Amino acid sequence: MTQPKRYNAFSDELKRRFGCKVQRISIDAGFSCPNRDGTLDSEGCIFCGGRGSGSHGIAHGLSVASQLEHGREIMVRKYKATKFLAYFQSYSNTHAPVETLRALYFEALTVSDVVGLIVATRPDCLPDAVLDLLVELHTRTYLWVEVGMQSMHAKSLTRINRRHDHACTVAAILRAKARGLRICAHVILGLPGESREEMLAMTAELNSLGVDGVKLHLLHVMKGTRLAEMYDRGEVELLERDDYAGLVCDFLELLDPRILIHRLTGDGGHDHLVAPLWSLKKFEILNLIDAELKRRDTRQGMKNR
């Protein structure tokens, strides 16, 4: 019998809500990003590769529906999943005219066994018209909006060339929450120059903002990025595996126990990852985190006061 997690796992929430195994299917809907298309910059964030951050494994070049159908076959075979969430992942998935967004989002919902949407974006890509559309979707299907917070520290946002400040993130989250939307905030642990204390300080901010979910990312270096160039020059020090697992446990202890944990680590895929190579062993890292929480006899929110 599987032991219950010591944190509020998103996968468990999906099982409770839908009564079956639900998997995300990542798709590339052809969006760009204001940090790449010249709106703000053409360079992008230092960690973002040529197809957007975290976009490995996607069947690029197909329609939204075709990508979902392709992904569904894989998820059924690999995970025995029976229901799916269409995950608009690559680049900024609200950075387009509202009618374009509407057509793509609703195309995803026409695919058999797709029971909801996850839309990942930047906080500076959520104008009122887009929020109105997301509210409409929220009333029709199971919807999450993922907002790339990454860090709350000004020095880090500048260093990674994020091209927005933390005030922008706060405003976007509060405006979305005021409309009843479910918000998952992305946070990167191990950004250059951030201390352990600065990383852990973000838990209080996430608790205060009332986010519904958190997705933790390990800083990893992808081929073809400016971060890779910095790493080659010895300008970036990456976290070691055991240090990362301990840091995640510290983070969870301080995080409001009601917040759903969408992810505790990430990897870049064998073909594109430069470092750290240990991040490819995702289940090994998750097992380390589980073991450390058990060793401490602690759980999410234990130190949230």
Protein backbone atom coordinates (compact mmCIF):
# COMPACT_ATOMS: atom_id res chain seq x y z
CA MET A 1 0.00 0.00 0.00
CA THR A 2 1.36 3.41 -1.00
CA GLN A 3 2.11 5.65 1.95
CA PRO A 4 0.40 9.08 1.90
CA LYS A 5 2.62 11.99 0.93
CA ARG A 6 3.84 14.40 3.56
CA TYR A 7 2.91 17.25 1.26
CA ASN A 8 -0.27 18.28 -0.54
CA ALA A 9 0.36 16.60 -3.89
CA PHE A 10 -1.44 17.84 -7.01
CA SER A 11 -1.64 14.27 -8.30
CA ASP A 12 -3.69 13.29 -5.24
CA GLU A 13 -6.02 16.24 -5.80
CA LEU A 14 -6.63 15.09 -9.38
CA LYS A 15 -7.46 11.58 -8.19
CA ARG A 16 -9.93 12.97 -5.64
CA ARG A 17 -11.59 15.23 -8.18
CA PHE A 18 -11.78 12.90 -11.17
CA GLY A 19 -11.62 9.48 -9.52
CA CYS A 20 -8.96 8.18 -11.89
CA LYS A 21 -5.40 8.65 -13.12
CA VAL A 22 -5.07 12.09 -14.75
CA GLN A 23 -1.97 13.19 -16.66
CA ARG A 24 -0.86 16.48 -18.13
CA ILE A 25 -0.10 16.55 -21.85
CA SER A 26 2.31 19.36 -22.74
CA ILE A 27 1.63 21.20 -25.99
CA ASP A 28 3.21 23.96 -28.04
CA ALA A 29 0.48 26.17 -29.46
CA GLY A 30 2.87 28.38 -31.41
CA PHE A 31 3.06 31.27 -28.96
CA SER A 32 6.02 33.57 -28.52
CA CYS A 33 7.06 35.64 -25.53
CA PRO A 34 7.34 39.42 -25.02
CA ASN A 35 10.87 38.78 -23.84
CA ARG A 36 11.75 37.20 -27.21
CA ASP A 37 9.57 38.80 -29.87
CA GLY A 38 10.95 42.31 -29.35
CA THR A 39 8.10 43.61 -27.19
CA LEU A 40 10.50 43.77 -24.24
CA ASP A 41 13.63 42.06 -25.55
CA SER A 42 14.77 39.52 -28.11
CA GLU A 43 17.14 37.53 -25.87
CA GLY A 44 14.68 35.90 -23.46
CA CYS A 45 15.42 34.75 -19.94
CA ILE A 46 18.90 33.30 -19.51
CA PHE A 47 17.58 29.78 -18.82
CA CYS A 48 15.14 29.60 -21.74
CA GLY A 49 16.03 27.51 -24.78
CA GLY A 50 15.02 27.88 -28.39
CA ARG A 51 11.56 26.36 -27.94
CA GLY A 52 10.74 27.81 -24.56
CA SER A 53 11.54 26.67 -21.07
CA GLY A 54 10.56 23.08 -20.26
CA SER A 55 9.36 22.29 -23.77
CA HIS A 56 11.27 19.04 -24.38
CA GLY A 57 9.12 16.04 -25.21
CA ILE A 58 6.45 18.04 -27.04
CA ALA A 59 5.30 17.01 -30.55
CA HIS A 60 6.08 20.39 -32.11
CA GLY A 61 4.60 21.36 -35.46
CA LEU A 62 1.25 19.63 -35.04
CA SER A 63 -2.10 21.24 -34.32
CA VAL A 64 -3.19 21.51 -30.69
CA ALA A 65 -5.65 18.64 -31.13
CA SER A 66 -3.07 16.45 -32.88
CA GLN A 67 -0.49 17.07 -30.17
CA LEU A 68 -3.02 16.07 -27.55
CA GLU A 69 -4.01 12.91 -29.40
CA HIS A 70 -0.33 11.99 -29.81
CA GLY A 71 0.35 12.68 -26.15
CA ARG A 72 -2.73 10.76 -25.04
CA GLU A 73 -1.41 7.58 -26.66
CA ILE A 74 1.88 7.95 -24.79
CA MET A 75 0.25 8.70 -21.43
CA VAL A 76 -2.12 5.74 -21.70
CA ARG A 77 0.74 3.41 -22.53
CA LYS A 78 3.22 4.82 -20.01
CA TYR A 79 1.04 5.77 -17.04
CA LYS A 80 -2.29 3.98 -17.67
CA ALA A 81 -3.97 7.41 -17.52
CA THR A 82 -7.62 7.72 -18.51
CA LYS A 83 -8.19 11.48 -18.31
CA PHE A 84 -5.96 14.36 -19.34
CA LEU A 85 -5.22 18.03 -18.81
CA ALA A 86 -4.10 20.02 -21.86
CA TYR A 87 -0.98 21.85 -20.69
CA PHE A 88 -0.22 24.97 -22.73
CA GLN A 89 3.44 25.05 -21.71
CA SER A 90 5.83 26.50 -24.31
CA TYR A 91 6.56 30.21 -24.01
CA SER A 92 3.87 32.66 -22.82
CA ASN A 93 0.50 31.08 -23.51
CA THR A 94 -1.60 34.20 -23.09
CA HIS A 95 0.59 36.37 -25.34
CA ALA A 96 -1.78 36.63 -28.31
CA PRO A 97 -5.08 38.27 -29.28
CA VAL A 98 -8.01 37.02 -27.21
CA GLU A 99 -9.80 35.45 -30.17
CA THR A 100 -6.66 33.48 -31.05
CA LEU A 101 -6.44 32.26 -27.49
CA ARG A 102 -10.11 31.36 -27.44
CA ALA A 103 -9.82 29.23 -30.56
CA LEU A 104 -6.77 27.33 -29.29
CA TYR A 105 -8.08 26.74 -25.78
CA PHE A 106 -11.45 25.49 -27.01
CA GLU A 107 -9.77 23.30 -29.64
CA ALA A 108 -8.02 21.52 -26.78
CA LEU A 109 -11.31 20.88 -25.03
CA THR A 110 -12.73 19.12 -28.09
CA VAL A 111 -10.25 16.24 -27.70
CA SER A 112 -11.66 13.10 -26.13
CA ASP A 113 -10.90 12.62 -22.41
CA VAL A 114 -9.42 16.11 -21.97
CA VAL A 115 -11.06 17.29 -18.74
CA GLY A 116 -9.29 20.59 -18.20
CA LEU A 117 -6.59 23.09 -19.12
CA ILE A 118 -3.37 24.38 -17.62
CA VAL A 119 -2.19 27.68 -19.09
CA ALA A 120 1.37 28.78 -18.32
CA THR A 121 2.32 32.41 -18.77
CA ARG A 122 4.20 35.44 -17.50
CA PRO A 123 2.66 37.92 -15.03
CA ASP A 124 2.99 40.72 -17.60
CA CYS A 125 0.80 38.80 -20.08
CA LEU A 126 -2.47 38.84 -18.17
CA PRO A 127 -4.45 41.92 -19.26
CA ASP A 128 -8.10 42.21 -18.26
CA ALA A 129 -9.40 40.85 -21.57
CA VAL A 130 -7.35 37.68 -21.15
CA LEU A 131 -8.46 37.31 -17.54
CA ASP A 132 -12.07 37.63 -18.72
CA LEU A 133 -11.52 34.75 -21.14
CA LEU A 134 -9.86 32.64 -18.45
CA VAL A 135 -12.80 33.26 -16.12
CA GLU A 136 -15.14 32.05 -18.88
CA LEU A 137 -13.07 28.89 -19.22
CA HIS A 138 -13.01 28.47 -15.44
CA THR A 139 -16.81 28.29 -15.44
CA ARG A 140 -16.76 25.60 -18.18
CA THR A 141 -13.87 23.33 -17.28
CA TYR A 142 -11.17 22.55 -14.74
CA LEU A 143 -8.60 25.32 -15.18
CA TRP A 144 -5.25 26.28 -13.71
CA VAL A 145 -3.22 29.37 -14.59
CA GLU A 146 0.52 29.01 -14.02
CA VAL A 147 2.34 32.29 -13.38
CA GLY A 148 6.12 32.48 -13.68
CA MET A 149 7.17 34.17 -10.48
CA GLN A 150 10.63 32.49 -10.51
CA SER A 151 11.93 34.76 -7.74
CA MET A 152 10.71 37.67 -5.67
CA HIS A 153 14.16 39.22 -5.39
CA ALA A 154 14.94 42.18 -7.67
CA LYS A 155 18.60 41.23 -8.12
CA SER A 156 17.64 37.77 -9.33
CA LEU A 157 14.95 38.99 -11.73
CA THR A 158 17.52 41.34 -13.23
CA ARG A 159 20.20 38.65 -13.39
CA ILE A 160 18.00 36.21 -15.28
CA ASN A 161 16.76 38.99 -17.61
CA ARG A 162 13.15 38.50 -16.60
CA ARG A 163 12.21 42.03 -17.71
CA HIS A 164 9.47 42.48 -15.11
CA ASP A 165 9.63 43.19 -11.39
CA HIS A 166 8.05 41.39 -8.48
CA ALA A 167 5.37 44.06 -8.14
CA CYS A 168 4.12 42.96 -11.56
CA THR A 169 3.85 39.36 -10.31
CA VAL A 170 2.00 40.40 -7.15
CA ALA A 171 -0.47 42.52 -9.12
CA ALA A 172 -1.14 39.76 -11.66
CA ILE A 173 -1.73 37.10 -9.02
CA LEU A 174 -4.01 39.31 -6.94
CA ARG A 175 -6.06 40.36 -9.98
CA ALA A 176 -6.44 36.73 -11.06
CA LYS A 177 -7.30 35.55 -7.55
CA ALA A 178 -9.91 38.31 -7.23
CA ARG A 179 -11.68 36.73 -10.22
CA GLY A 180 -11.69 33.29 -8.65
CA LEU A 181 -8.99 31.71 -10.82
CA ARG A 182 -6.74 28.92 -9.55
CA ILE A 183 -3.15 30.13 -9.58
CA CYS A 184 0.01 28.02 -9.51
CA ALA A 185 3.22 30.01 -9.04
CA HIS A 186 6.52 28.84 -10.54
CA VAL A 187 9.62 29.24 -8.36
CA ILE A 188 13.21 28.41 -9.33
CA LEU A 189 15.52 27.25 -6.56
CA GLY A 190 19.25 27.77 -7.00
CA LEU A 191 19.29 30.98 -9.02
CA PRO A 192 22.77 32.55 -9.21
CA GLY A 193 23.53 34.68 -6.17
CA GLU A 194 20.48 33.72 -4.12
CA SER A 195 21.17 32.56 -0.59
CA ARG A 196 19.29 29.75 1.12
CA GLU A 197 17.59 32.33 3.32
CA GLU A 198 16.44 34.34 0.30
CA MET A 199 15.02 31.24 -1.37
CA LEU A 200 13.14 30.20 1.77
CA ALA A 201 11.82 33.73 2.27
CA MET A 202 9.65 33.20 -0.81
CA THR A 203 7.42 30.82 1.15
CA ALA A 204 6.02 33.66 3.25
CA GLU A 205 5.28 35.63 0.08
CA LEU A 206 3.51 32.69 -1.55
CA ASN A 207 1.46 32.12 1.60
CA SER A 208 0.53 35.80 1.77
CA LEU A 209 -0.49 35.98 -1.90
CA GLY A 210 -2.88 33.07 -1.41
CA VAL A 211 -1.67 31.04 -4.38
CA ASP A 212 -3.43 27.71 -4.83
CA GLY A 213 -0.43 25.79 -6.13
CA VAL A 214 3.35 25.94 -6.35
CA LYS A 215 5.67 24.38 -8.89
CA LEU A 216 9.31 24.17 -7.76
CA HIS A 217 12.04 24.03 -10.37
CA LEU A 218 15.67 23.16 -9.87
CA LEU A 219 17.89 25.54 -11.81
CA HIS A 220 19.29 23.43 -14.61
CA VAL A 221 21.39 24.40 -17.58
CA MET A 222 20.10 23.76 -21.09
CA LYS A 223 22.10 23.74 -24.32
CA GLY A 224 21.96 26.90 -26.39
CA THR A 225 21.06 29.22 -23.52
CA ARG A 226 22.90 32.18 -22.07
CA LEU A 227 22.90 30.28 -18.78
CA ALA A 228 24.95 27.57 -20.52
CA GLU A 229 27.48 30.19 -21.60
CA MET A 230 27.68 31.48 -18.03
CA TYR A 231 28.08 27.94 -16.73
CA ASP A 232 30.91 27.24 -19.20
CA ARG A 233 32.68 30.36 -17.94
CA GLY A 234 32.40 29.16 -14.34
CA GLU A 235 29.97 31.93 -13.37
CA VAL A 236 27.17 29.65 -12.15
CA GLU A 237 27.29 27.22 -9.24
CA LEU A 238 24.54 24.59 -9.26
CA LEU A 239 23.00 22.84 -6.28
CA GLU A 240 24.10 19.32 -5.41
CA ARG A 241 21.44 16.60 -5.30
CA ASP A 242 21.26 16.10 -1.51
CA ASP A 243 21.42 19.84 -0.87
CA TYR A 244 18.49 20.36 -3.23
CA ALA A 245 16.41 17.66 -1.56
CA GLY A 246 17.05 19.21 1.86
CA LEU A 247 16.22 22.67 0.57
CA VAL A 248 12.90 21.45 -0.84
CA CYS A 249 12.03 19.94 2.53
CA ASP A 250 12.84 23.24 4.26
CA PHE A 251 10.65 25.02 1.70
CA LEU A 252 7.74 22.63 2.22
CA GLU A 253 7.88 22.99 6.00
CA LEU A 254 7.32 26.74 5.66
CA LEU A 255 4.62 26.56 2.98
CA ASP A 256 0.92 26.81 3.81
CA PRO A 257 -0.38 23.20 3.92
CA ARG A 258 -3.42 24.07 1.79
CA ILE A 259 -1.21 24.92 -1.23
CA LEU A 260 -1.08 22.12 -3.80
CA ILE A 261 2.40 21.00 -4.86
CA HIS A 262 2.39 20.62 -8.65
CA ARG A 263 6.07 19.75 -8.95
CA LEU A 264 9.13 19.39 -6.70
CA THR A 265 11.87 19.17 -9.31
CA GLY A 266 12.43 19.34 -13.04
CA ASP A 267 14.84 18.21 -15.70
CA GLY A 268 15.74 19.28 -19.18
CA GLY A 269 15.67 15.96 -21.02
CA HIS A 270 18.68 13.86 -22.02
CA ASP A 271 19.20 15.56 -25.38
CA HIS A 272 19.25 19.13 -24.12
CA LEU A 273 20.51 19.10 -20.53
CA VAL A 274 24.02 20.33 -19.76
CA ALA A 275 23.92 20.14 -15.95
CA PRO A 276 23.28 18.92 -13.34
CA LEU A 277 23.01 15.45 -14.79
CA TRP A 278 21.65 14.06 -11.52
CA SER A 279 18.42 15.95 -12.21
CA LEU A 280 17.57 13.38 -14.89
CA LYS A 281 16.89 10.83 -12.13
CA LYS A 282 13.65 12.49 -11.14
CA PHE A 283 12.14 9.63 -9.13
CA GLU A 284 15.38 9.21 -7.21
CA ILE A 285 15.17 12.87 -6.16
CA LEU A 286 11.51 12.57 -5.20
CA ASN A 287 12.33 9.50 -3.12
CA LEU A 288 15.10 11.45 -1.38
CA ILE A 289 12.65 14.22 -0.52
CA ASP A 290 10.12 11.72 0.81
CA ALA A 291 12.81 9.99 2.86
CA GLU A 292 14.09 13.25 4.33
CA LEU A 293 10.59 14.37 5.33
CA LYS A 294 10.08 11.01 7.01
CA ARG A 295 13.48 11.18 8.75
CA ARG A 296 12.58 14.61 10.14
CA ASP A 297 9.06 13.41 10.98
CA THR A 298 7.79 16.59 9.36
CA ARG A 299 5.42 17.62 6.59
CA GLN A 300 4.26 20.59 4.54
CA GLY A 301 3.33 23.55 6.74
CA MET A 302 4.90 22.13 9.92
CA LYS A 303 6.85 25.38 10.47
CA ASN A 304 4.25 27.70 8.92
CA ARG A 305 3.33 30.11 11.68
